[in-house]
Amino acid sequence: MGLWLLETFLSRDDISEAMRQSVIDLEVQRCVFNAKAATINWSIKRIGKALADIEHAVSFQR
């Protein structure tokens, strides 16, 4: 959602506590999802580098 939008929405007085909690829960889920995606992306990148290193080492075999 973005911090500015989240803070602006949550600062409103006309938002019910249930809606406020739902939005906070959704934002937490979004943050966790993004962290997992970043971890997966980093892992894939690192695995690709390791495979390239292995292929390079194996290329010296006769």
C-alpha atoms as a PDB file:
ATOM      1  CA  MET A   1       0.000   0.000   0.000  1.00  0.00           C
ATOM      2  CA  GLY A   2       2.881   2.356   0.689  1.00  0.00           C
ATOM      3  CA  LEU A   3       3.654   3.981   3.999  1.00  0.00           C
ATOM      4  CA  TRP A   4       2.269   7.400   3.115  1.00  0.00           C
ATOM      5  CA  LEU A   5      -1.088   5.990   2.023  1.00  0.00           C
ATOM      6  CA  LEU A   6      -1.220   3.612   4.993  1.00  0.00           C
ATOM      7  CA  GLU A   7      -0.461   6.377   7.496  1.00  0.00           C
ATOM      8  CA  THR A   8      -2.910   8.758   5.841  1.00  0.00           C
ATOM      9  CA  PHE A   9      -5.677   6.162   5.878  1.00  0.00           C
ATOM     10  CA  LEU A  10      -5.032   5.114   9.468  1.00  0.00           C
ATOM     11  CA  SER A  11      -4.929   8.732  10.679  1.00  0.00           C
ATOM     12  CA  ARG A  12      -8.557   9.270   9.670  1.00  0.00           C
ATOM     13  CA  ASP A  13     -11.075   9.463  12.502  1.00  0.00           C
ATOM     14  CA  ASP A  14     -13.952   7.973  10.495  1.00  0.00           C
ATOM     15  CA  ILE A  15     -12.354   4.512  10.134  1.00  0.00           C
ATOM     16  CA  SER A  16     -13.781   1.788  12.348  1.00  0.00           C
ATOM     17  CA  GLU A  17     -11.431  -0.181  14.566  1.00  0.00           C
ATOM     18  CA  ALA A  18     -12.295  -3.369  12.650  1.00  0.00           C
ATOM     19  CA  MET A  19     -11.410  -1.724   9.315  1.00  0.00           C
ATOM     20  CA  ARG A  20      -8.234  -0.274  10.822  1.00  0.00           C
ATOM     21  CA  GLN A  21      -7.166  -3.733  12.036  1.00  0.00           C
ATOM     22  CA  SER A  22      -7.999  -5.298   8.668  1.00  0.00           C
ATOM     23  CA  VAL A  23      -5.846  -2.773   6.844  1.00  0.00           C
ATOM     24  CA  ILE A  24      -2.964  -3.295   9.282  1.00  0.00           C
ATOM     25  CA  ASP A  25      -3.251  -7.078   8.884  1.00  0.00           C
ATOM     26  CA  LEU A  26      -3.269  -6.726   5.101  1.00  0.00           C
ATOM     27  CA  GLU A  27      -0.183  -4.500   5.204  1.00  0.00           C
ATOM     28  CA  VAL A  28       1.641  -7.007   7.417  1.00  0.00           C
ATOM     29  CA  GLN A  29       0.757  -9.796   4.977  1.00  0.00           C
ATOM     30  CA  ARG A  30       2.041  -7.654   2.093  1.00  0.00           C
ATOM     31  CA  CYS A  31       5.332  -7.039   3.885  1.00  0.00           C
ATOM     32  CA  VAL A  32       5.787 -10.737   4.661  1.00  0.00           C
ATOM     33  CA  PHE A  33       4.994 -11.653   1.043  1.00  0.00           C
ATOM     34  CA  ASN A  34       7.528  -9.123  -0.247  1.00  0.00           C
ATOM     35  CA  ALA A  35      10.179 -10.432   2.132  1.00  0.00           C
ATOM     36  CA  LYS A  36       9.558 -14.002   0.951  1.00  0.00           C
ATOM     37  CA  ALA A  37       9.699 -12.913  -2.690  1.00  0.00           C
ATOM     38  CA  ALA A  38      12.983 -11.091  -2.085  1.00  0.00           C
ATOM     39  CA  THR A  39      14.433 -14.176  -0.396  1.00  0.00           C
ATOM     40  CA  ILE A  40      13.377 -16.392  -3.289  1.00  0.00           C
ATOM     41  CA  ASN A  41      14.778 -13.961  -5.852  1.00  0.00           C
ATOM     42  CA  TRP A  42      18.101 -13.766  -4.006  1.00  0.00           C
ATOM     43  CA  SER A  43      18.246 -17.568  -3.727  1.00  0.00           C
ATOM     44  CA  ILE A  44      17.556 -18.039  -7.431  1.00  0.00           C
ATOM     45  CA  LYS A  45      20.241 -15.504  -8.309  1.00  0.00           C
ATOM     46  CA  ARG A  46      22.743 -17.219  -6.001  1.00  0.00           C
ATOM     47  CA  ILE A  47      21.889 -20.679  -7.356  1.00  0.00           C
ATOM     48  CA  GLY A  48      22.408 -19.375 -10.891  1.00  0.00           C
ATOM     49  CA  LYS A  49      25.830 -18.042  -9.894  1.00  0.00           C
ATOM     50  CA  ALA A  50      26.739 -21.355  -8.262  1.00  0.00           C
ATOM     51  CA  LEU A  51      25.695 -23.276 -11.382  1.00  0.00           C
ATOM     52  CA  ALA A  52      27.769 -20.974 -13.556  1.00  0.00           C
ATOM     53  CA  ASP A  53      30.764 -21.543 -11.270  1.00  0.00           C
ATOM     54  CA  ILE A  54      30.241 -25.313 -11.423  1.00  0.00           C
ATOM     55  CA  GLU A  55      29.958 -25.238 -15.218  1.00  0.00           C
ATOM     56  CA  HIS A  56      33.153 -23.209 -15.399  1.00  0.00           C
ATOM     57  CA  ALA A  57      35.008 -25.672 -13.158  1.00  0.00           C
ATOM     58  CA  VAL A  58      33.682 -28.683 -15.092  1.00  0.00           C
ATOM     59  CA  SER A  59      34.796 -27.091 -18.377  1.00  0.00           C
ATOM     60  CA  PHE A  60      38.392 -27.881 -17.360  1.00  0.00           C
ATOM     61  CA  GLN A  61      37.726 -31.635 -17.380  1.00  0.00           C
ATOM     62  CA  ARG A  62      39.224 -33.610 -20.235  1.00  0.00           C
END
